[in-house]
């Protein structure tokens, strides 16, 4: 797909007309129309303006495919053993992505994080087995099987297995923040 077609598609997805895009970029309506119809080329500076106005990373316009699908088979997932803590299986692509998905086996009573536990981005947790207590500031809730929570992980938070048996959770992090401490087979 051409850059012009991508611009048109992204613009239409957010219900923005050419006039509004022209106003936000300082480019003329005629020029934008010609770009979208592949009649003219645009400079990198003009593409930057359009990228900013549409709130789309500039790489989305110049790459044909953002990344190839990467299959992670259950028998070949990287497994990580955190020091004095849970076993973690990496469900998502190993490196170079914006999202990291983990399956974590939390021992009974295990607490991940404390009042100073923060990291960039967002975190999504869903409980597969057991009960897990999530605390962030004045908020505290016990999640049971099937429950999930989405939180801003730049604020101090903690996750604790409050059951007498191990818990299993799925965690999605963006951007990826987990680094392996020691890999296990």
C-alpha atoms as a PDB file:
ATOM      1  CA  UNK A   1       0.000   0.000   0.000  1.00  0.00           C
ATOM      2  CA  UNK A   2       1.343   3.433  -0.910  1.00  0.00           C
ATOM      3  CA  UNK A   3       2.060   6.184   1.604  1.00  0.00           C
ATOM      4  CA  UNK A   4      -0.812   8.213   0.152  1.00  0.00           C
ATOM      5  CA  UNK A   5      -3.273   5.348   0.647  1.00  0.00           C
ATOM      6  CA  UNK A   6      -2.035   4.857   4.204  1.00  0.00           C
ATOM      7  CA  UNK A   7      -2.531   8.542   4.980  1.00  0.00           C
ATOM      8  CA  UNK A   8      -6.086   8.406   3.610  1.00  0.00           C
ATOM      9  CA  UNK A   9      -6.880   5.218   5.557  1.00  0.00           C
ATOM     10  CA  UNK A  10      -5.542   6.553   8.868  1.00  0.00           C
ATOM     11  CA  UNK A  11      -7.302   9.901   8.322  1.00  0.00           C
ATOM     12  CA  UNK A  12     -10.622   8.202   7.574  1.00  0.00           C
ATOM     13  CA  UNK A  13     -10.294   5.843  10.553  1.00  0.00           C
ATOM     14  CA  UNK A  14     -10.423   8.840  12.877  1.00  0.00           C
ATOM     15  CA  UNK A  15     -13.128  10.599  10.822  1.00  0.00           C
ATOM     16  CA  UNK A  16     -10.861  13.502   9.930  1.00  0.00           C
ATOM     17  CA  UNK A  17     -11.513  15.331   6.678  1.00  0.00           C
ATOM     18  CA  UNK A  18      -8.794  16.761   4.433  1.00  0.00           C
ATOM     19  CA  UNK A  19      -9.576  20.332   5.536  1.00  0.00           C
ATOM     20  CA  UNK A  20      -8.948  19.498   9.189  1.00  0.00           C
ATOM     21  CA  UNK A  21      -5.720  17.672   8.344  1.00  0.00           C
ATOM     22  CA  UNK A  22      -4.611  20.649   6.255  1.00  0.00           C
ATOM     23  CA  UNK A  23      -5.333  23.032   9.126  1.00  0.00           C
ATOM     24  CA  UNK A  24      -3.426  20.889  11.649  1.00  0.00           C
ATOM     25  CA  UNK A  25      -0.394  20.422   9.384  1.00  0.00           C
ATOM     26  CA  UNK A  26      -0.197  23.758   7.631  1.00  0.00           C
ATOM     27  CA  UNK A  27      -0.295  21.945   4.285  1.00  0.00           C
ATOM     28  CA  UNK A  28      -2.845  22.789   1.604  1.00  0.00           C
ATOM     29  CA  UNK A  29      -5.949  20.685   0.954  1.00  0.00           C
ATOM     30  CA  UNK A  30      -4.934  20.302  -2.678  1.00  0.00           C
ATOM     31  CA  UNK A  31      -1.477  19.032  -1.746  1.00  0.00           C
ATOM     32  CA  UNK A  32      -2.876  16.483   0.721  1.00  0.00           C
ATOM     33  CA  UNK A  33      -5.383  15.286  -1.879  1.00  0.00           C
ATOM     34  CA  UNK A  34      -2.605  14.859  -4.433  1.00  0.00           C
ATOM     35  CA  UNK A  35      -0.478  12.929  -1.906  1.00  0.00           C
ATOM     36  CA  UNK A  36      -3.386  10.638  -1.019  1.00  0.00           C
ATOM     37  CA  UNK A  37      -3.981   9.966  -4.729  1.00  0.00           C
ATOM     38  CA  UNK A  38      -0.270   9.318  -5.356  1.00  0.00           C
ATOM     39  CA  UNK A  39       0.006  12.273  -7.755  1.00  0.00           C
ATOM     40  CA  UNK A  40       2.921  13.886  -5.874  1.00  0.00           C
ATOM     41  CA  UNK A  41       5.590  12.845  -3.424  1.00  0.00           C
ATOM     42  CA  UNK A  42       5.959  14.485  -0.064  1.00  0.00           C
ATOM     43  CA  UNK A  43       9.004  15.509   1.917  1.00  0.00           C
ATOM     44  CA  UNK A  44       9.997  13.884   5.178  1.00  0.00           C
ATOM     45  CA  UNK A  45       9.068  17.135   6.931  1.00  0.00           C
ATOM     46  CA  UNK A  46       5.538  17.029   5.471  1.00  0.00           C
ATOM     47  CA  UNK A  47       5.207  13.363   6.437  1.00  0.00           C
ATOM     48  CA  UNK A  48       6.270  14.249  10.000  1.00  0.00           C
ATOM     49  CA  UNK A  49       3.523  16.884  10.177  1.00  0.00           C
ATOM     50  CA  UNK A  50       0.905  14.450   8.916  1.00  0.00           C
ATOM     51  CA  UNK A  51       2.159  11.717  11.247  1.00  0.00           C
ATOM     52  CA  UNK A  52       1.867  14.078  14.224  1.00  0.00           C
ATOM     53  CA  UNK A  53      -1.602  15.319  13.220  1.00  0.00           C
ATOM     54  CA  UNK A  54      -2.924  11.757  12.799  1.00  0.00           C
ATOM     55  CA  UNK A  55      -1.101  10.543  15.932  1.00  0.00           C
ATOM     56  CA  UNK A  56       0.441   7.675  13.954  1.00  0.00           C
ATOM     57  CA  UNK A  57       4.154   6.749  14.194  1.00  0.00           C
ATOM     58  CA  UNK A  58       5.998   7.773  11.048  1.00  0.00           C
ATOM     59  CA  UNK A  59       7.286   4.207  10.568  1.00  0.00           C
ATOM     60  CA  UNK A  60       3.705   3.049   9.941  1.00  0.00           C
ATOM     61  CA  UNK A  61       3.725   5.017   6.681  1.00  0.00           C
ATOM     62  CA  UNK A  62       7.028   3.722   5.304  1.00  0.00           C
ATOM     63  CA  UNK A  63       7.030   0.044   6.315  1.00  0.00           C
ATOM     64  CA  UNK A  64       4.964  -2.418   4.312  1.00  0.00           C
ATOM     65  CA  UNK A  65       4.361  -4.689   7.273  1.00  0.00           C
ATOM     66  CA  UNK A  66       5.046  -3.486  10.797  1.00  0.00           C
ATOM     67  CA  UNK A  67       6.265  -6.903  11.902  1.00  0.00           C
ATOM     68  CA  UNK A  68       5.772 -10.442  10.813  1.00  0.00           C
ATOM     69  CA  UNK A  69       3.577 -12.630  13.010  1.00  0.00           C
ATOM     70  CA  UNK A  70       5.744 -14.571  15.434  1.00  0.00           C
ATOM     71  CA  UNK A  71       4.404 -17.893  16.661  1.00  0.00           C
ATOM     72  CA  UNK A  72       5.422 -19.064  20.134  1.00  0.00           C
ATOM     73  CA  UNK A  73       4.696 -22.771  20.619  1.00  0.00           C
ATOM     74  CA  UNK A  74       3.831 -23.851  24.166  1.00  0.00           C
ATOM     75  CA  UNK A  75       6.717 -26.330  24.292  1.00  0.00           C
ATOM     76  CA  UNK A  76       9.250 -23.683  23.242  1.00  0.00           C
ATOM     77  CA  UNK A  77       8.271 -20.716  25.422  1.00  0.00           C
ATOM     78  CA  UNK A  78      11.148 -19.083  27.253  1.00  0.00           C
ATOM     79  CA  UNK A  79      10.869 -19.848  30.972  1.00  0.00           C
ATOM     80  CA  UNK A  80      12.363 -17.564  33.558  1.00  0.00           C
ATOM     81  CA  UNK A  81      12.902 -18.227  37.243  1.00  0.00           C
ATOM     82  CA  UNK A  82      12.923 -15.018  39.244  1.00  0.00           C
ATOM     83  CA  UNK A  83      15.201 -14.971  42.271  1.00  0.00           C
ATOM     84  CA  UNK A  84      13.230 -16.251  45.288  1.00  0.00           C
ATOM     85  CA  UNK A  85      10.039 -15.964  43.317  1.00  0.00           C
ATOM     86  CA  UNK A  86       7.736 -17.258  40.655  1.00  0.00           C
ATOM     87  CA  UNK A  87       8.302 -19.095  37.427  1.00  0.00           C
ATOM     88  CA  UNK A  88       7.454 -16.979  34.402  1.00  0.00           C
ATOM     89  CA  UNK A  89       6.705 -18.149  30.864  1.00  0.00           C
ATOM     90  CA  UNK A  90       7.033 -15.591  28.080  1.00  0.00           C
ATOM     91  CA  UNK A  91       3.980 -16.029  25.849  1.00  0.00           C
ATOM     92  CA  UNK A  92       4.716 -13.188  23.433  1.00  0.00           C
ATOM     93  CA  UNK A  93       7.494 -12.654  20.922  1.00  0.00           C
ATOM     94  CA  UNK A  94      10.807 -12.572  22.738  1.00  0.00           C
ATOM     95  CA  UNK A  95      12.219  -9.151  21.835  1.00  0.00           C
ATOM     96  CA  UNK A  96      11.636  -6.018  19.808  1.00  0.00           C
ATOM     97  CA  UNK A  97       7.907  -5.565  20.375  1.00  0.00           C
ATOM     98  CA  UNK A  98       5.816  -2.993  22.249  1.00  0.00           C
ATOM     99  CA  UNK A  99       3.888  -5.613  24.224  1.00  0.00           C
ATOM    100  CA  UNK A 100       5.054  -8.397  26.514  1.00  0.00           C
ATOM    101  CA  UNK A 101       2.688 -11.155  27.667  1.00  0.00           C
ATOM    102  CA  UNK A 102       3.658 -13.434  30.540  1.00  0.00           C
ATOM    103  CA  UNK A 103       2.129 -16.385  32.346  1.00  0.00           C
ATOM    104  CA  UNK A 104       3.228 -16.296  35.974  1.00  0.00           C
ATOM    105  CA  UNK A 105       2.951 -19.044  38.580  1.00  0.00           C
ATOM    106  CA  UNK A 106       2.841 -17.295  41.963  1.00  0.00           C
ATOM    107  CA  UNK A 107       3.677 -19.382  45.038  1.00  0.00           C
ATOM    108  CA  UNK A 108       1.238 -19.150  47.953  1.00  0.00           C
ATOM    109  CA  UNK A 109       1.762 -15.867  49.818  1.00  0.00           C
ATOM    110  CA  UNK A 110       4.196 -14.492  47.211  1.00  0.00           C
ATOM    111  CA  UNK A 111       4.133 -10.718  46.798  1.00  0.00           C
ATOM    112  CA  UNK A 112       5.441  -9.065  43.628  1.00  0.00           C
ATOM    113  CA  UNK A 113       6.343  -5.475  44.270  1.00  0.00           C
ATOM    114  CA  UNK A 114       6.037  -3.225  47.275  1.00  0.00           C
ATOM    115  CA  UNK A 115       5.237   0.432  47.907  1.00  0.00           C
ATOM    116  CA  UNK A 116       8.038   1.474  45.533  1.00  0.00           C
ATOM    117  CA  UNK A 117       7.332  -1.019  42.715  1.00  0.00           C
ATOM    118  CA  UNK A 118       6.821   0.968  39.520  1.00  0.00           C
ATOM    119  CA  UNK A 119       7.768   0.684  35.861  1.00  0.00           C
ATOM    120  CA  UNK A 120       6.958   2.494  32.644  1.00  0.00           C
ATOM    121  CA  UNK A 121       3.685   1.958  30.846  1.00  0.00           C
ATOM    122  CA  UNK A 122       0.589  -0.059  31.550  1.00  0.00           C
ATOM    123  CA  UNK A 123      -0.141  -3.484  32.963  1.00  0.00           C
ATOM    124  CA  UNK A 124      -3.042  -5.867  32.481  1.00  0.00           C
ATOM    125  CA  UNK A 125      -3.510  -8.860  34.784  1.00  0.00           C
ATOM    126  CA  UNK A 126      -6.043 -11.689  34.592  1.00  0.00           C
ATOM    127  CA  UNK A 127      -6.323 -14.595  37.019  1.00  0.00           C
ATOM    128  CA  UNK A 128      -6.386 -18.150  35.652  1.00  0.00           C
ATOM    129  CA  UNK A 129      -6.046 -20.047  38.959  1.00  0.00           C
ATOM    130  CA  UNK A 130      -6.278 -18.890  42.581  1.00  0.00           C
ATOM    131  CA  UNK A 131      -6.790 -15.477  44.181  1.00  0.00           C
ATOM    132  CA  UNK A 132      -4.550 -12.470  43.720  1.00  0.00           C
ATOM    133  CA  UNK A 133      -4.726  -9.172  45.586  1.00  0.00           C
ATOM    134  CA  UNK A 134      -3.819  -6.024  43.652  1.00  0.00           C
ATOM    135  CA  UNK A 135      -3.014  -2.827  45.554  1.00  0.00           C
ATOM    136  CA  UNK A 136      -2.294   0.596  44.097  1.00  0.00           C
ATOM    137  CA  UNK A 137      -2.517   3.661  46.320  1.00  0.00           C
ATOM    138  CA  UNK A 138      -5.897   3.633  48.101  1.00  0.00           C
ATOM    139  CA  UNK A 139      -7.213   0.938  45.752  1.00  0.00           C
ATOM    140  CA  UNK A 140      -7.104  -2.702  46.822  1.00  0.00           C
ATOM    141  CA  UNK A 141      -9.040  -5.626  45.373  1.00  0.00           C
ATOM    142  CA  UNK A 142      -8.858  -9.405  45.372  1.00  0.00           C
ATOM    143  CA  UNK A 143      -9.172 -10.897  41.917  1.00  0.00           C
ATOM    144  CA  UNK A 144     -10.512 -14.409  41.508  1.00  0.00           C
ATOM    145  CA  UNK A 145     -10.502 -16.784  38.544  1.00  0.00           C
ATOM    146  CA  UNK A 146     -11.628 -14.914  35.427  1.00  0.00           C
ATOM    147  CA  UNK A 147     -11.217 -11.434  36.953  1.00  0.00           C
ATOM    148  CA  UNK A 148      -8.862  -8.913  35.373  1.00  0.00           C
ATOM    149  CA  UNK A 149      -7.471  -5.456  36.016  1.00  0.00           C
ATOM    150  CA  UNK A 150      -5.807  -2.799  33.866  1.00  0.00           C
ATOM    151  CA  UNK A 151      -3.548  -0.308  35.637  1.00  0.00           C
ATOM    152  CA  UNK A 152      -1.070   2.497  35.089  1.00  0.00           C
ATOM    153  CA  UNK A 153       2.160   0.868  36.224  1.00  0.00           C
ATOM    154  CA  UNK A 154       3.989   4.176  36.650  1.00  0.00           C
ATOM    155  CA  UNK A 155       2.225   4.412  40.039  1.00  0.00           C
ATOM    156  CA  UNK A 156       3.386   2.188  42.913  1.00  0.00           C
ATOM    157  CA  UNK A 157       1.551  -1.127  42.939  1.00  0.00           C
ATOM    158  CA  UNK A 158       1.838  -4.682  44.160  1.00  0.00           C
ATOM    159  CA  UNK A 159       0.423  -8.091  43.333  1.00  0.00           C
ATOM    160  CA  UNK A 160       0.104 -10.791  45.997  1.00  0.00           C
ATOM    161  CA  UNK A 161      -1.120 -14.382  45.972  1.00  0.00           C
ATOM    162  CA  UNK A 162      -3.567 -14.389  48.905  1.00  0.00           C
ATOM    163  CA  UNK A 163      -4.576 -18.035  48.503  1.00  0.00           C
ATOM    164  CA  UNK A 164      -3.202 -21.111  50.274  1.00  0.00           C
ATOM    165  CA  UNK A 165      -2.380 -22.645  46.886  1.00  0.00           C
ATOM    166  CA  UNK A 166      -0.269 -21.409  43.949  1.00  0.00           C
ATOM    167  CA  UNK A 167      -1.930 -18.892  41.630  1.00  0.00           C
ATOM    168  CA  UNK A 168      -1.519 -18.564  37.875  1.00  0.00           C
ATOM    169  CA  UNK A 169      -1.947 -15.194  36.174  1.00  0.00           C
ATOM    170  CA  UNK A 170      -1.462 -13.674  32.752  1.00  0.00           C
ATOM    171  CA  UNK A 171       0.270 -10.296  32.701  1.00  0.00           C
ATOM    172  CA  UNK A 172       0.465  -8.029  29.662  1.00  0.00           C
ATOM    173  CA  UNK A 173       3.017  -5.206  29.876  1.00  0.00           C
ATOM    174  CA  UNK A 174       3.574  -2.302  27.561  1.00  0.00           C
ATOM    175  CA  UNK A 175       6.332  -1.471  27.088  1.00  0.00           C
ATOM    176  CA  UNK A 176       8.030  -4.768  27.969  1.00  0.00           C
ATOM    177  CA  UNK A 177       9.708  -4.529  31.363  1.00  0.00           C
ATOM    178  CA  UNK A 178      10.650  -8.028  32.489  1.00  0.00           C
ATOM    179  CA  UNK A 179      14.277  -9.002  32.097  1.00  0.00           C
ATOM    180  CA  UNK A 180      15.317 -12.592  32.782  1.00  0.00           C
ATOM    181  CA  UNK A 181      17.393 -13.180  35.914  1.00  0.00           C
ATOM    182  CA  UNK A 182      18.097 -16.843  35.272  1.00  0.00           C
ATOM    183  CA  UNK A 183      16.609 -19.023  32.573  1.00  0.00           C
ATOM    184  CA  UNK A 184      15.375 -22.518  33.409  1.00  0.00           C
ATOM    185  CA  UNK A 185      14.604 -25.450  31.144  1.00  0.00           C
END
